[in-house]
Structure formats: C-alpha cells, structure tokens
C-alpha cells in the first residue's frame, strides 16, 4: 500500500475512518483532537504507537509472510506502514501527506494469508504481494483472521490444554453474567468473532496505563471512565482461573467517534488453568488471588457468586466441545479454592 513511502520519517495524518484526528510531521505528533488514539492524546510517541500495532515477530509464520512481502524482519513499524497501519480491531490508519486515499481504500476486505499466519502455508510464495490484516494482528500465538459469511473471525492455534482453558474461561465468565468474548471450536482451532463493531476502536490498556499493570493504579485509571467495576470483573476472573498472562495489550476499552466508551470484553485466557500441565498443589495461595484480595478490600466491588454446580456445568459443556484428559474434580477444587478466599 505504501511501498514507496514506508522508509524515512512519516508526515501526514492519523485517521479515524475518514476523519483526520492527528497531524504528524516527521514522526512527531503536531496536533490532535479528541478522537485521536488515546495513546497519542496522553502524550505517546508516534513511532511507539505504530510499532505497537504490528504483529509479534517471534511468530515464525509471521516472519515468512513479511519476507514474502519484502518487508523488514527487524522493523515492524515499516511493515505496518505497508498496510497504512490499518487494523481489524479499530478504524485508525495513517494517511501520508498529499495522498488521495479514503478509508475504504485501506480497510481489509479479504485475507489470502490466513492459512500462512495460522499454521504455515507451503504455497505462500504463490500468493499475491498484497495487504493483509496479519501485519497488524498482534499477540505471540500463531493466529489468523478469516472472513466467514461476511464477518471476520480470529482463529488461534494452541496446545490442547491451552485451547481448553480459553474455552472454559469464556464459558465460565458468561455463566457468571460477565462480559466476555464467546469462543468456539472450528477445525481444531479456538475461534472467536471480531468483538469490535463498525466505527469502534479497541484501545488496549497501554494507551491508558503504559506497562504498569498494578491493580490499584488500574482501578484509578478506569474509574476516570466509570469502568472500575468492569476492570474488577476482569481481574476477578483472572484470579479464579489463574490467568497469569494479563498484560497491557489484552484488555482495555472500546471507544466510538461520538464519545461512547465501554470496557472491552474479557478475552485471551489460553494461558490459564492447567495450560502448562496438571498442578500438584490446588490450595491456590498464589499471588493472583492475594493481589485481588488486596485491591478488593479497597474498592467498592461485589464479586459474582461462584458455585461448584456452575463450575461443573461449565466443565461439562466445555469438555463436550473439546475433549481433553483433565479431571473435573481438580478443576472444581482449583477454581473454588480461589473463590472461597475472595468471597
């Protein structure tokens, strides 16, 4: 897309749909309005914002895609410029000064690199060198965007216990009345629909708190948006299922151009529960529980009620969709031992 302009400093606009929301001169943000990315509004560096939009280069299949597209393997920002920094999880993009581009020119309509990104494609070098949403598909696990029936779905690869953990955590959150992305199994992969609707922008927590995931500080920041309860719901679930992989890119808020704000639904729980093997200690004296208890005592928060019956029901439904060799009684004890300390 920007093959002739993805070298050197950028001058132009950050766009939200077809609205210019920030002016950039030689990689420096000169001005912005209230619809600009929150990271930019809060003083963030343009090149950092650009790099944060790029795929994780530790994914081997991603490096193959970039090599085929003749994009640099050590500078994801340049590759991001190749797709005008467009992403399927927001409507932000970059428009070089003087370019006659509109949002419909850069928005993704298909993805020939779905298979290549998800599981590798021996025929990748026969594919056309064209834009793909995989360049801005962040995260460390192999994954791919696919257009199914007119809607985008995200497929993610993983080991059996990782897939089971993602599915179980999603079903448990929904069963407890919490807002969570609903996952399902297709072709052996864990899959979800794109939770960002047209006109919305997912803005990850780094936009608000940098890389500081301290619970107390997060509660204070999300309180500014009236979303402290939703954040507490998130870390409550993290404690129940022991998701130790909650980082600044897998939670945040969703904004619209008219000023509406909501907390992003709970997602990315594949590194929870028994993802790395069956534990020998189920008492749950871990830090996720103790840290939640510490902030819970300071916040006005009422956690949802968790029962053994609910966990057993969720376990049964999860196992029916994705059978793995794991003990129901161990899962129940694992979750309930955490809950009893927090209730």
Protein backbone atom coordinates (compact mmCIF):
# COMPACT_ATOMS: atom_id res chain seq x y z
CA UNK A 1 0.00 0.00 0.00
CA UNK A 2 2.72 2.45 1.00
CA UNK A 3 5.58 0.61 -0.66
CA UNK A 4 7.14 3.82 -1.96
CA UNK A 5 6.80 5.75 1.29
CA UNK A 6 7.50 3.31 4.11
CA UNK A 7 11.10 4.42 4.50
CA UNK A 8 12.13 7.51 6.40
CA UNK A 9 10.12 9.79 8.66
CA UNK A 10 6.35 9.95 8.25
CA UNK A 11 4.42 13.16 7.64
CA UNK A 12 0.69 13.10 7.23
CA UNK A 13 -2.37 12.29 9.31
CA UNK A 14 -3.58 9.68 11.72
CA UNK A 15 -7.10 8.96 10.56
CA UNK A 16 -10.17 7.53 12.26
CA UNK A 17 -12.27 6.27 9.42
CA UNK A 18 -12.29 9.27 7.09
CA UNK A 19 -11.68 11.83 9.86
CA UNK A 20 -8.18 13.27 10.35
CA UNK A 21 -7.61 13.06 14.12
CA UNK A 22 -3.90 13.90 14.41
CA UNK A 23 -1.27 15.64 12.33
CA UNK A 24 2.21 14.12 12.20
CA UNK A 25 5.30 15.95 10.96
CA UNK A 26 8.50 13.96 10.54
CA UNK A 27 7.34 11.30 13.02
CA UNK A 28 6.28 13.88 15.63
CA UNK A 29 2.64 14.47 16.52
CA UNK A 30 1.99 18.17 15.99
CA UNK A 31 -1.66 18.31 16.97
CA UNK A 32 -4.65 16.06 17.60
CA UNK A 33 -8.32 16.15 18.51
CA UNK A 34 -10.48 14.20 20.94
CA UNK A 35 -10.97 11.31 18.52
CA UNK A 36 -7.27 10.57 18.20
CA UNK A 37 -5.92 7.34 19.70
CA UNK A 38 -5.85 7.65 23.49
CA UNK A 39 -2.17 6.72 23.46
CA UNK A 40 -1.50 9.81 21.31
CA UNK A 41 -3.80 12.01 23.38
CA UNK A 42 -1.88 11.04 26.50
CA UNK A 43 1.44 12.09 25.05
CA UNK A 44 2.55 8.82 23.49
CA UNK A 45 5.22 8.72 20.78
CA UNK A 46 4.03 8.20 17.20
CA UNK A 47 6.61 5.52 16.36
CA UNK A 48 5.82 3.60 19.54
CA UNK A 49 2.12 3.71 18.65
CA UNK A 50 2.98 2.47 15.17
CA UNK A 51 5.18 -0.38 16.42
CA UNK A 52 2.56 -1.46 18.96
CA UNK A 53 0.16 -2.05 16.07
CA UNK A 54 2.49 -4.57 14.48
CA UNK A 55 2.46 -8.36 14.73
CA UNK A 56 4.79 -10.16 17.12
CA UNK A 57 7.85 -11.16 15.11
CA UNK A 58 8.52 -14.12 17.40
CA UNK A 59 5.81 -15.91 15.42
CA UNK A 60 7.74 -17.88 12.80
CA UNK A 61 4.92 -17.85 10.27
CA UNK A 62 4.70 -14.08 10.55
CA UNK A 63 8.34 -13.72 9.57
CA UNK A 64 7.70 -15.84 6.49
CA UNK A 65 4.82 -13.58 5.47
CA UNK A 66 6.93 -10.44 5.89
CA UNK A 67 9.77 -11.99 3.91
CA UNK A 68 7.42 -12.85 1.06
CA UNK A 69 6.06 -9.29 1.08
CA UNK A 70 9.63 -7.92 1.09
CA UNK A 71 9.04 -6.20 4.39
CA UNK A 72 11.79 -5.83 7.04
CA UNK A 73 12.01 -8.52 9.70
CA UNK A 74 13.64 -6.28 12.30
CA UNK A 75 11.48 -3.18 11.97
CA UNK A 76 7.77 -3.94 12.28
CA UNK A 77 6.89 -0.25 12.01
CA UNK A 78 7.90 -0.23 8.35
CA UNK A 79 5.75 -3.27 7.69
CA UNK A 80 2.85 -1.58 9.47
CA UNK A 81 3.18 1.34 7.07
CA UNK A 82 2.78 -1.11 4.19
CA UNK A 83 -0.86 -1.54 5.26
CA UNK A 84 -1.29 2.14 6.25
CA UNK A 85 -1.36 0.94 9.89
CA UNK A 86 -4.90 -0.35 9.34
CA UNK A 87 -6.22 -2.98 11.75
CA UNK A 88 -9.36 -5.08 12.13
CA UNK A 89 -9.75 -4.06 15.78
CA UNK A 90 -10.10 -0.31 15.21
CA UNK A 91 -10.65 2.24 12.45
CA UNK A 92 -7.35 4.10 12.88
CA UNK A 93 -4.89 4.29 9.99
CA UNK A 94 -2.24 6.63 8.60
CA UNK A 95 -2.54 8.77 5.51
CA UNK A 96 0.64 10.28 4.04
CA UNK A 97 0.50 13.99 3.24
CA UNK A 98 -0.80 14.55 -0.26
CA UNK A 99 -2.14 11.02 -0.67
CA UNK A 100 -5.58 10.65 -2.20
CA UNK A 101 -6.73 7.80 0.00
CA UNK A 102 -10.01 7.19 1.80
CA UNK A 103 -10.80 4.60 4.47
CA UNK A 104 -12.43 2.23 2.00
CA UNK A 105 -9.09 2.04 0.18
CA UNK A 106 -7.24 0.66 3.21
CA UNK A 107 -9.88 -1.33 5.09
CA UNK A 108 -9.33 -5.08 4.78
CA UNK A 109 -11.85 -6.96 2.66
CA UNK A 110 -10.14 -10.35 2.36
CA UNK A 111 -7.07 -12.19 3.61
CA UNK A 112 -5.07 -14.53 1.39
CA UNK A 113 -2.57 -15.03 4.22
CA UNK A 114 -4.96 -16.60 6.75
CA UNK A 115 -3.52 -20.13 6.44
CA UNK A 116 0.05 -18.86 6.26
CA UNK A 117 -0.35 -16.93 9.51
CA UNK A 118 -2.24 -19.61 11.42
CA UNK A 119 -0.37 -22.81 10.56
CA UNK A 120 2.01 -22.10 7.72
CA UNK A 121 1.32 -22.42 4.01
CA UNK A 122 3.71 -24.25 1.67
CA UNK A 123 2.16 -22.31 -1.23
CA UNK A 124 2.72 -18.89 0.34
CA UNK A 125 5.21 -17.86 -2.34
CA UNK A 126 2.50 -18.22 -4.95
CA UNK A 127 0.30 -15.67 -3.18
CA UNK A 128 -0.01 -12.09 -4.47
CA UNK A 129 2.07 -9.50 -2.64
CA UNK A 130 -0.88 -7.56 -1.26
CA UNK A 131 -2.05 -6.12 2.02
CA UNK A 132 -3.09 -8.46 4.81
CA UNK A 133 -4.56 -7.88 8.28
CA UNK A 134 -1.94 -10.27 9.65
CA UNK A 135 0.64 -7.47 9.73
CA UNK A 136 -1.39 -5.75 12.46
CA UNK A 137 -2.61 -8.94 14.16
CA UNK A 138 -0.81 -8.63 17.50
CA UNK A 139 -0.05 -11.37 20.01
CA UNK A 140 2.52 -14.13 20.43
CA UNK A 141 0.45 -17.18 19.41
CA UNK A 142 0.04 -18.23 15.79
CA UNK A 143 -3.32 -16.91 14.65
CA UNK A 144 -5.14 -15.72 11.58
CA UNK A 145 -8.07 -13.58 10.51
CA UNK A 146 -10.60 -15.18 8.19
CA UNK A 147 -13.68 -13.74 6.55
CA UNK A 148 -16.53 -16.20 7.16
CA UNK A 149 -20.01 -15.37 5.93
CA UNK A 150 -19.28 -11.67 5.64
CA UNK A 151 -17.79 -11.34 9.14
CA UNK A 152 -14.24 -11.56 10.43
CA UNK A 153 -13.28 -14.40 12.74
CA UNK A 154 -9.99 -14.85 14.57
CA UNK A 155 -8.59 -18.38 14.65
CA UNK A 156 -5.83 -19.17 17.16
CA UNK A 157 -3.59 -22.22 17.41
CA UNK A 158 -2.54 -23.80 20.68
CA UNK A 159 -1.90 -26.94 22.65
CA UNK A 160 -4.98 -28.91 23.78
CA UNK A 161 -4.91 -27.65 27.38
CA UNK A 162 -4.46 -24.06 26.17
CA UNK A 163 -7.49 -24.33 23.91
CA UNK A 164 -9.49 -25.96 26.70
CA UNK A 165 -8.52 -23.13 29.09
CA UNK A 166 -9.65 -20.44 26.64
CA UNK A 167 -12.97 -22.14 26.06
CA UNK A 168 -13.62 -22.90 29.74
CA UNK A 169 -12.77 -19.37 30.94
CA UNK A 170 -15.05 -17.83 28.32
CA UNK A 171 -17.99 -20.06 29.25
CA UNK A 172 -17.46 -19.53 32.98
CA UNK A 173 -17.38 -15.74 32.62
CA UNK A 174 -20.60 -15.79 30.60
CA UNK A 175 -22.21 -18.14 33.12
CA UNK A 176 -21.37 -15.66 35.88
CA UNK A 177 -23.05 -12.82 33.96
CA UNK A 178 -19.78 -11.14 32.98
CA UNK A 179 -18.94 -9.62 29.61
CA UNK A 180 -16.65 -11.99 27.74
CA UNK A 181 -15.79 -12.94 24.20
CA UNK A 182 -17.50 -16.21 23.32
CA UNK A 183 -15.18 -18.81 21.83
CA UNK A 184 -15.91 -21.96 19.90
CA UNK A 185 -14.02 -24.72 18.13
CA UNK A 186 -13.63 -24.86 14.35
CA UNK A 187 -11.25 -27.19 12.51
CA UNK A 188 -9.41 -27.87 15.77
CA UNK A 189 -8.67 -24.20 16.47
CA UNK A 190 -10.08 -21.86 19.10
CA UNK A 191 -12.13 -19.21 17.31
CA UNK A 192 -13.97 -16.00 18.13
CA UNK A 193 -15.81 -13.34 16.19
CA UNK A 194 -14.30 -9.88 15.98
CA UNK A 195 -15.68 -8.15 19.10
CA UNK A 196 -15.12 -4.67 17.64
CA UNK A 197 -18.10 -3.36 15.71
CA UNK A 198 -18.04 -0.93 12.76
CA UNK A 199 -16.97 2.53 13.87
CA UNK A 200 -15.50 1.28 17.16
CA UNK A 201 -11.86 1.23 18.23
CA UNK A 202 -10.31 -1.18 20.70
CA UNK A 203 -7.70 0.78 22.65
CA UNK A 204 -5.54 -1.53 24.72
CA UNK A 205 -4.62 -0.70 28.29
CA UNK A 206 -1.16 0.54 27.36
CA UNK A 207 -2.92 3.58 25.93
CA UNK A 208 -4.02 4.41 29.48
CA UNK A 209 -1.52 2.95 31.93
CA UNK A 210 1.62 2.27 29.92
CA UNK A 211 3.13 -1.03 31.00
CA UNK A 212 2.06 -0.67 34.64
CA UNK A 213 -0.47 -3.43 35.33
CA UNK A 214 -0.65 -2.71 39.08
CA UNK A 215 -4.22 -3.38 40.15
CA UNK A 216 -4.67 -0.28 42.32
CA UNK A 217 -3.38 2.05 39.60
CA UNK A 218 -5.59 0.38 37.02
CA UNK A 219 -8.67 0.81 39.19
CA UNK A 220 -7.87 4.52 39.50
CA UNK A 221 -7.42 4.95 35.74
CA UNK A 222 -10.53 3.01 34.73
CA UNK A 223 -12.51 4.92 37.34
CA UNK A 224 -11.96 8.00 35.15
CA UNK A 225 -14.19 6.32 32.57
CA UNK A 226 -16.66 4.87 35.05
CA UNK A 227 -15.32 1.39 34.31
CA UNK A 228 -13.72 0.34 37.60
CA UNK A 229 -16.29 -2.44 38.15
CA UNK A 230 -15.62 -3.92 34.72
CA UNK A 231 -11.91 -3.94 35.42
CA UNK A 232 -12.54 -5.65 38.75
CA UNK A 233 -14.65 -8.26 36.94
CA UNK A 234 -11.66 -8.94 34.69
CA UNK A 235 -9.11 -9.48 37.45
CA UNK A 236 -11.65 -11.46 39.49
CA UNK A 237 -11.88 -13.92 36.61
CA UNK A 238 -8.09 -13.90 36.21
CA UNK A 239 -7.79 -14.95 39.85
CA UNK A 240 -10.45 -17.67 39.59
CA UNK A 241 -8.89 -19.35 36.54
CA UNK A 242 -5.30 -18.25 37.29
CA UNK A 243 -4.66 -16.30 34.12
CA UNK A 244 -1.12 -15.06 34.69
CA UNK A 245 -0.90 -13.63 31.18
CA UNK A 246 -2.96 -10.47 31.68
CA UNK A 247 -0.81 -7.77 30.11
CA UNK A 248 -1.35 -4.27 28.75
CA UNK A 249 -2.33 -5.46 25.27
CA UNK A 250 -5.10 -7.95 26.11
CA UNK A 251 -7.52 -5.69 27.94
CA UNK A 252 -8.67 -2.12 27.54
CA UNK A 253 -11.59 -0.04 26.36
CA UNK A 254 -13.62 0.36 23.20
CA UNK A 255 -14.37 3.88 22.02
CA UNK A 256 -16.53 5.44 19.33
CA UNK A 257 -16.19 8.72 17.47
CA UNK A 258 -19.23 10.12 19.28
CA UNK A 259 -17.57 9.72 22.66
CA UNK A 260 -19.12 6.45 23.87
CA UNK A 261 -16.81 4.24 25.92
CA UNK A 262 -17.15 0.66 27.12
CA UNK A 263 -14.81 -1.88 28.64
CA UNK A 264 -13.56 -4.49 26.20
CA UNK A 265 -14.98 -7.96 26.86
CA UNK A 266 -12.77 -10.46 28.64
CA UNK A 267 -10.58 -12.36 26.17
CA UNK A 268 -7.23 -14.14 25.89
CA UNK A 269 -7.32 -16.78 28.64
CA UNK A 270 -5.47 -19.60 26.91
CA UNK A 271 -2.62 -19.41 29.45
CA UNK A 272 -4.95 -20.07 32.38
CA UNK A 273 -5.98 -23.14 34.40
CA UNK A 274 -3.78 -26.17 33.63
CA UNK A 275 -2.36 -24.86 30.35
CA UNK A 276 1.20 -25.97 31.17
CA UNK A 277 0.29 -29.23 32.89
CA UNK A 278 -1.63 -30.59 35.85
CA UNK A 279 -0.58 -28.84 39.11
CA UNK A 280 0.24 -30.81 42.24
CA UNK A 281 -0.94 -28.02 44.56
CA UNK A 282 -4.57 -26.87 44.36
CA UNK A 283 -4.78 -24.72 47.51
CA UNK A 284 -4.44 -21.51 45.43
CA UNK A 285 -2.20 -19.47 47.68
CA UNK A 286 -0.89 -17.73 44.57
CA UNK A 287 -0.33 -14.04 44.01
CA UNK A 288 -3.24 -13.59 41.62
CA UNK A 289 -5.57 -14.39 44.49
CA UNK A 290 -3.74 -12.37 47.16
CA UNK A 291 -3.35 -9.32 44.89
CA UNK A 292 -7.05 -9.39 44.05
CA UNK A 293 -7.96 -9.59 47.73
CA UNK A 294 -5.75 -6.58 48.46
CA UNK A 295 -7.41 -4.33 45.86
CA UNK A 296 -10.86 -5.82 46.57
CA UNK A 297 -10.64 -4.55 50.15
CA UNK A 298 -10.01 -1.02 48.86
CA UNK A 299 -12.66 -0.98 46.13
CA UNK A 300 -16.44 -0.97 46.33
CA UNK A 301 -16.94 -4.19 44.45
CA UNK A 302 -19.29 -7.12 44.83
CA UNK A 303 -17.93 -10.22 43.12
CA UNK A 304 -20.28 -12.61 41.36
CA UNK A 305 -21.31 -15.76 43.16
CA UNK A 306 -19.42 -18.85 42.06
CA UNK A 307 -20.77 -22.30 42.94
CA UNK A 308 -19.48 -25.82 42.45
CA UNK A 309 -22.57 -26.54 40.38
CA UNK A 310 -21.78 -23.69 37.98
CA UNK A 311 -18.19 -24.84 37.51
CA UNK A 312 -19.27 -28.44 36.95
CA UNK A 313 -21.84 -27.35 34.36
CA UNK A 314 -19.27 -25.21 32.53
CA UNK A 315 -16.73 -28.04 32.67
CA UNK A 316 -19.24 -30.49 31.19
CA UNK A 317 -20.17 -28.16 28.34
CA UNK A 318 -16.54 -27.31 27.61
CA UNK A 319 -15.46 -30.95 27.59
CA UNK A 320 -18.32 -31.82 25.23
CA UNK A 321 -16.98 -29.29 22.72
CA UNK A 322 -13.30 -30.01 23.22
CA UNK A 323 -12.44 -33.28 24.98
CA UNK A 324 -9.15 -33.34 26.90
CA UNK A 325 -7.77 -35.54 29.64
CA UNK A 326 -8.37 -33.38 32.71
CA UNK A 327 -10.15 -34.08 36.00
CA UNK A 328 -13.46 -32.34 36.66
CA UNK A 329 -12.91 -32.54 40.43
CA UNK A 330 -9.49 -30.91 40.08
CA UNK A 331 -10.89 -28.03 38.03
CA UNK A 332 -13.67 -27.52 40.57
CA UNK A 333 -11.26 -27.54 43.51
CA UNK A 334 -8.81 -25.28 41.67
CA UNK A 335 -11.44 -22.58 40.99
CA UNK A 336 -13.40 -22.92 44.24
CA UNK A 337 -10.27 -22.74 46.42
CA UNK A 338 -9.54 -19.36 44.87
CA UNK A 339 -13.14 -18.16 45.17
CA UNK A 340 -13.52 -19.11 48.84
CA UNK A 341 -10.66 -16.78 49.73
CA UNK A 342 -12.17 -13.87 47.76
CA UNK A 343 -15.87 -14.19 48.59
